[in-house]
Protein backbone atom coordinates (compact mmCIF):
# COMPACT_ATOMS: atom_id res chain seq x y z
CA MET A 1 0.00 0.00 0.00
CA ASN A 2 1.35 3.45 -0.97
CA MET A 3 0.57 6.38 1.27
CA LYS A 4 1.33 10.09 0.76
CA ILE A 5 1.12 12.40 3.74
CA ARG A 6 1.34 16.19 3.57
CA LEU A 7 1.95 18.13 6.77
CA THR A 8 0.59 21.70 6.47
CA SER A 9 1.39 23.10 9.89
CA LYS A 10 4.41 25.43 9.83
CA ALA A 11 4.91 24.60 13.51
CA LEU A 12 6.27 21.23 12.36
CA SER A 13 8.89 22.76 10.12
CA GLY A 14 12.28 21.16 10.73
CA LYS A 15 10.92 18.59 13.17
CA SER A 16 10.78 14.80 12.96
CA VAL A 17 7.31 13.29 13.20
CA THR A 18 6.49 9.58 13.74
CA LEU A 19 3.16 8.28 12.47
CA ILE A 20 1.42 4.94 13.14
CA LEU A 21 -1.84 4.21 11.33
CA GLU A 22 -4.29 1.54 12.51
CA GLN A 23 -7.53 0.30 10.96
CA ASP A 24 -9.61 -2.85 11.50
CA GLY A 25 -6.92 -4.49 13.59
CA ARG A 26 -4.16 -3.78 11.06
CA SER A 27 -1.35 -1.26 11.48
CA ALA A 28 1.04 0.66 9.23
CA GLY A 29 4.20 2.13 10.59
CA PRO A 30 6.01 3.43 12.39
CA LEU A 31 6.50 6.08 9.70
CA THR A 32 9.06 8.85 10.16
CA VAL A 33 8.69 12.21 8.36
CA ALA A 34 12.16 13.73 8.24
CA ASP A 35 11.32 17.30 7.18
CA TRP A 36 8.38 19.57 6.69
CA GLY A 37 6.52 18.88 3.46
CA GLY A 38 8.47 15.68 2.83
CA THR A 39 6.97 12.31 1.97
CA THR A 40 7.86 8.74 2.70
CA GLN A 41 6.46 5.24 2.19
CA ALA A 42 5.75 2.38 4.51
CA GLU A 43 4.50 -1.11 3.84
CA GLU A 44 1.45 -2.22 5.68
CA THR A 45 2.33 -4.49 8.57
CA PRO A 46 -0.42 -7.00 9.32
CA ALA A 47 -1.25 -7.40 12.96
CA PRO A 48 -0.08 -10.71 14.40
CA PRO A 49 -2.84 -13.27 14.89
CA SER A 50 -4.33 -13.41 18.32
CA PRO A 51 -2.92 -16.33 20.31
CA ALA A 52 -5.26 -19.22 20.96
CA PRO A 53 -6.52 -19.29 24.52
CA PRO A 54 -4.60 -21.81 26.63
CA PRO A 55 -6.44 -24.98 27.65
CA PRO A 56 -7.88 -24.89 31.13
CA ALA A 57 -5.24 -25.89 33.64
CA PRO A 58 -6.08 -28.35 36.39
CA GLY A 59 -5.60 -27.05 39.88
CA PRO A 60 -3.51 -28.56 42.67
CA GLY A 61 -3.96 -32.30 43.01
CA LEU A 62 -5.40 -32.43 39.46
CA ASP A 63 -8.58 -30.90 40.94
CA GLY A 64 -10.87 -33.78 39.99
CA GLY A 65 -11.27 -34.88 43.58
CA ILE A 66 -10.96 -38.51 44.61
CA VAL A 67 -11.82 -41.48 42.41
CA SER A 68 -11.35 -45.12 43.33
CA ILE A 69 -11.18 -48.40 41.46
CA THR A 70 -13.77 -51.12 42.07
CA VAL A 71 -12.61 -54.71 41.58
CA ASP A 72 -14.89 -57.69 40.94
CA ARG A 73 -13.05 -61.02 40.97
CA THR A 74 -13.69 -64.73 40.88
CA SER A 75 -13.68 -66.68 44.12
CA LEU A 76 -10.63 -68.66 42.95
CA ARG A 77 -8.34 -65.66 42.41
CA CYS A 78 -5.72 -67.78 40.68
CA ALA A 79 -4.37 -67.75 37.13
CA PRO A 80 -5.93 -67.41 34.69
CA ASP A 81 -8.12 -64.95 36.58
CA SER A 82 -10.84 -62.82 35.00
CA VAL A 83 -11.18 -59.42 36.70
CA ARG A 84 -13.81 -56.72 36.17
CA LEU A 85 -12.64 -53.16 36.88
CA GLY A 86 -14.82 -50.09 37.37
CA VAL A 87 -14.63 -46.57 38.76
CA ASP A 88 -16.30 -45.01 41.81
CA LEU A 89 -16.94 -41.28 41.20
CA SER A 90 -18.85 -40.57 44.41
CA ASN A 91 -16.03 -38.40 45.84
CA SER A 92 -14.98 -36.72 42.59
CA THR A 93 -15.27 -32.96 41.99
CA PHE A 94 -15.66 -32.79 38.22
CA ASP A 95 -17.89 -30.09 36.78
CA THR A 96 -20.07 -32.66 35.03
CA PRO A 97 -22.90 -33.55 37.43
CA GLY A 98 -23.82 -37.02 38.53
CA PRO A 99 -27.28 -38.52 38.09
CA ALA A 100 -30.19 -36.22 38.85
CA PRO A 101 -32.41 -37.26 41.80
CA GLY A 102 -34.46 -40.26 40.77
CA ALA A 103 -32.59 -40.62 37.45
CA ASN A 104 -30.49 -43.58 36.35
CA TYR A 105 -28.41 -41.87 33.68
CA ASP A 106 -25.00 -40.59 34.79
CA PRO A 107 -23.62 -37.96 32.36
CA ARG A 108 -20.12 -38.53 33.72
CA LEU A 109 -19.99 -41.91 32.02
CA HIS A 110 -19.88 -40.16 28.63
CA GLU A 111 -18.49 -36.69 29.37
CA LEU A 112 -15.36 -37.97 31.13
CA VAL A 113 -12.47 -39.90 29.57
CA TYR A 114 -11.26 -43.05 31.34
CA ILE A 115 -7.77 -44.42 30.60
CA TRP A 116 -6.65 -47.70 32.19
CA ASP A 117 -3.31 -49.43 32.66
CA THR A 118 -3.89 -53.00 33.84
CA GLY A 119 -0.25 -53.56 34.76
CA ASP A 120 -0.19 -56.60 32.44
CA THR A 121 2.14 -56.83 29.44
CA GLY A 122 1.98 -58.35 25.98
CA GLU A 123 -0.33 -58.16 22.99
CA TRP A 124 -3.61 -59.85 22.17
CA SER A 125 -3.43 -62.70 19.67
CA ALA A 126 -7.18 -62.56 18.98
CA PRO A 127 -9.33 -61.26 17.47
CA GLN A 128 -7.51 -60.90 14.19
CA ASN A 129 -6.95 -57.53 12.48
CA VAL A 130 -7.49 -55.59 15.69
CA LEU A 131 -6.37 -51.95 15.53
CA ALA A 132 -2.77 -51.53 16.67
CA GLU A 133 -3.70 -49.05 19.40
CA TRP A 134 -6.10 -51.62 20.88
CA ASN A 135 -3.64 -54.54 20.75
CA ASP A 136 -1.79 -53.70 23.98
CA LYS A 137 -3.00 -55.90 26.85
CA SER A 138 -2.13 -53.23 29.39
CA LYS A 139 -4.49 -50.62 27.92
CA GLY A 140 -8.19 -50.12 28.48
CA ARG A 141 -10.71 -47.33 27.92
CA GLY A 142 -14.12 -46.57 29.36
CA PRO A 143 -15.70 -46.54 32.83
CA TRP A 144 -15.71 -50.36 33.00
CA ILE A 145 -13.26 -52.87 31.57
CA ALA A 146 -12.60 -56.60 31.96
CA HIS A 147 -9.18 -58.21 31.89
CA CYS A 148 -7.80 -61.74 32.21
CA TYR A 149 -4.49 -62.15 34.03
CA ASP A 150 -2.95 -65.29 32.54
CA ALA A 151 0.10 -65.54 34.80
CA PRO A 152 0.47 -65.50 38.59
CA GLY A 153 1.85 -62.32 40.14
CA THR A 154 0.97 -58.98 41.69
CA TYR A 155 -0.25 -56.31 39.29
CA THR A 156 -0.77 -52.57 39.83
CA VAL A 157 -3.82 -51.15 38.05
CA ARG A 158 -3.76 -47.42 37.26
CA LEU A 159 -6.71 -45.27 36.22
CA THR A 160 -6.72 -41.68 34.95
CA VAL A 161 -10.04 -39.84 34.60
CA ILE A 162 -10.04 -36.65 32.50
CA GLU A 163 -12.75 -34.03 32.01
CA PRO A 164 -11.92 -32.38 28.64
CA SER A 165 -14.25 -29.41 29.19
CA SER A 166 -12.44 -28.23 32.35
CA GLY A 167 -9.04 -29.90 32.19
CA LYS A 168 -9.65 -31.52 35.57
CA GLN A 169 -8.14 -34.93 36.22
CA ALA A 170 -8.15 -37.58 38.93
CA GLN A 171 -6.07 -40.72 39.35
CA ALA A 172 -6.35 -43.97 41.29
CA THR A 173 -4.44 -47.22 41.72
CA ALA A 174 -5.30 -50.73 42.91
CA SER A 175 -3.22 -53.83 43.57
CA ILE A 176 -4.31 -57.25 42.30
CA THR A 177 -2.59 -60.47 43.34
CA VAL A 178 -3.15 -63.55 41.17
CA GLU A 179 -2.18 -66.83 42.80
CA ASP A 180 -0.42 -69.79 41.18
CA PRO A 181 -2.99 -72.59 40.71
CA ASN A 182 -0.30 -75.18 41.46
CA ASP A 183 -0.03 -73.64 44.93
CA VAL A 184 -3.76 -73.17 45.44
CA TYR A 185 -4.56 -76.75 44.34
CA ALA A 186 -1.51 -78.57 45.66
CA GLY A 187 -1.08 -82.33 45.55
CA ALA A 188 -4.25 -84.42 45.40
CA GLU A 189 -6.43 -81.31 45.28
CA THR A 190 -5.69 -81.56 41.53
CA VAL A 191 -7.23 -84.43 39.54
CA CYS A 192 -5.79 -85.12 36.05
CA ILE A 193 -8.19 -86.99 33.77
CA ASN A 194 -7.06 -88.78 30.58
CA PRO A 195 -9.16 -90.39 27.83
CA PRO A 196 -9.97 -94.09 28.26
CA GLY A 197 -6.85 -96.27 27.95
CA ASP A 198 -4.37 -93.35 28.09
CA ASP A 199 -2.02 -93.85 31.04
CA ASN A 200 0.55 -91.24 29.96
CA PHE A 201 0.30 -88.39 32.45
CA THR A 202 3.44 -86.54 31.41
CA GLY A 203 3.16 -82.91 32.45
CA ALA A 204 0.75 -83.53 35.31
CA PRO A 205 1.47 -81.39 38.39
CA ASP A 206 3.49 -83.06 41.13
CA GLY A 207 1.35 -85.07 43.52
CA ALA A 208 -1.81 -84.77 41.43
CA MET A 209 -4.37 -87.55 41.46
CA THR A 210 -4.46 -89.29 38.04
CA VAL A 211 -7.37 -91.19 36.56
CA GLN A 212 -8.59 -92.25 33.11
CA MET A 213 -12.03 -91.29 31.88
CA ASP A 214 -13.24 -94.90 31.98
CA GLY A 215 -12.10 -95.04 35.58
CA VAL A 216 -14.07 -91.91 36.34
CA SER A 217 -17.16 -93.46 34.78
CA VAL A 218 -16.83 -96.48 37.05
CA LYS A 219 -15.75 -94.65 40.19
CA VAL A 220 -18.39 -91.97 39.93
CA ARG A 221 -20.90 -94.72 40.54
CA ASP A 222 -19.02 -95.41 43.76
CA GLN A 223 -20.35 -92.63 45.97
CA SER A 224 -17.58 -93.09 48.51
CA TRP A 225 -14.92 -92.40 45.82
CA TRP A 226 -16.82 -89.39 44.52
CA ASN A 227 -17.19 -88.03 48.04
CA SER A 228 -13.45 -88.47 48.57
CA VAL A 229 -12.76 -86.47 45.41
CA LYS A 230 -15.27 -83.75 46.10
CA GLY A 231 -15.34 -83.86 49.86
CA ASN A 232 -15.31 -80.52 51.58
CA THR A 233 -12.31 -79.07 49.85
CA LYS A 234 -11.57 -77.23 46.63
CA ARG A 235 -10.66 -79.31 43.56
CA ARG A 236 -8.94 -78.69 40.27
CA PHE A 237 -9.85 -80.98 37.36
CA LEU A 238 -7.41 -80.99 34.43
CA LEU A 239 -8.05 -82.67 31.09
CA LYS A 240 -5.07 -83.65 28.93
CA ALA A 241 -4.34 -80.95 26.35
CA GLY A 242 -4.48 -82.22 22.78
CA ALA A 243 -6.23 -85.48 23.68
CA THR A 244 -9.51 -86.66 22.15
CA TYR A 245 -12.20 -87.64 24.60
CA GLY A 246 -14.93 -88.58 22.15
CA PRO A 247 -18.66 -88.32 22.82
CA VAL A 248 -18.38 -88.70 26.58
CA ALA A 249 -20.63 -86.78 28.93
CA PHE A 250 -18.54 -85.37 31.75
CA GLU A 251 -20.62 -83.60 34.34
CA LEU A 252 -19.41 -81.96 37.51
CA ASN A 253 -22.09 -80.78 39.88
CA TYR A 254 -20.57 -78.12 42.08
CA SER A 255 -22.51 -75.32 43.70
CA ASP A 256 -21.56 -71.65 43.69
CA ASP A 257 -20.68 -71.91 47.35
CA PRO A 258 -17.17 -72.76 48.56
CA PRO A 259 -15.32 -75.00 48.12
CA HIS A 260 -15.07 -74.15 44.44
CA PHE A 261 -13.63 -76.15 41.60
CA TYR A 262 -11.31 -75.26 38.72
CA LEU A 263 -11.54 -76.86 35.28
CA GLY A 264 -8.53 -76.62 32.95
CA THR A 265 -5.92 -78.59 31.03
CA TYR A 266 -2.44 -79.95 31.65
CA GLY A 267 0.45 -80.90 29.37
CA SER A 268 1.99 -79.30 26.29
CA GLY A 269 -0.58 -80.36 23.70
CA THR A 270 -2.74 -77.94 21.74
CA VAL A 271 -6.02 -77.22 23.42
């Protein structure tokens, strides 16, 4: 943009004058007039863009109050153990309100972001073609997740809850111990069952009771044997991995009350 300025006041004769022109958020200048009646040029200088407002900053302690992790587990609590994890928001201080009086819907379940770390490692082998960002066994998203801990050990679960609208956050941890089934069902508390005629129990846990399926069929009819197997203690029944059992009905009638039973496999065969 070219601009021509004429100064008509004789009082400005011999003086230096600095001009800055502004219009609609744009400015031109500074422009220095060296002598009375002189002219000069200046290129228009666009005003810098206004900076974007910073995201809301969480206050001390992340400012989301207190959240806690709820844990729902099996009675066995040994590997592989399926665990259901949830969040308790009753002591949180997020801006999003909880359910209205008499209402069931909780807006916080959708307005807040829930990021889980199960403390487990590895990648899922199924289902196939899962998105890469969902293939990490340690990651979970949402107010409730379920996870299976395949190996014994103590795991630390971490949860971060974020409210995008305010920037508030809250965090919680929980410890989960998964027992070794060989310790929980030691010795004869484990019963290894092979197909009829198969007396190869390679890979059976030390001290386990061993029996073939045809033996089970006979001994089940002997109530005293069945009572000795079931008794008043927990039991683990292991079928031989990779073996074929044929069309045999194998029924175990255990109640939901302790002592509980565990059904799995032993050996290195393919299940």
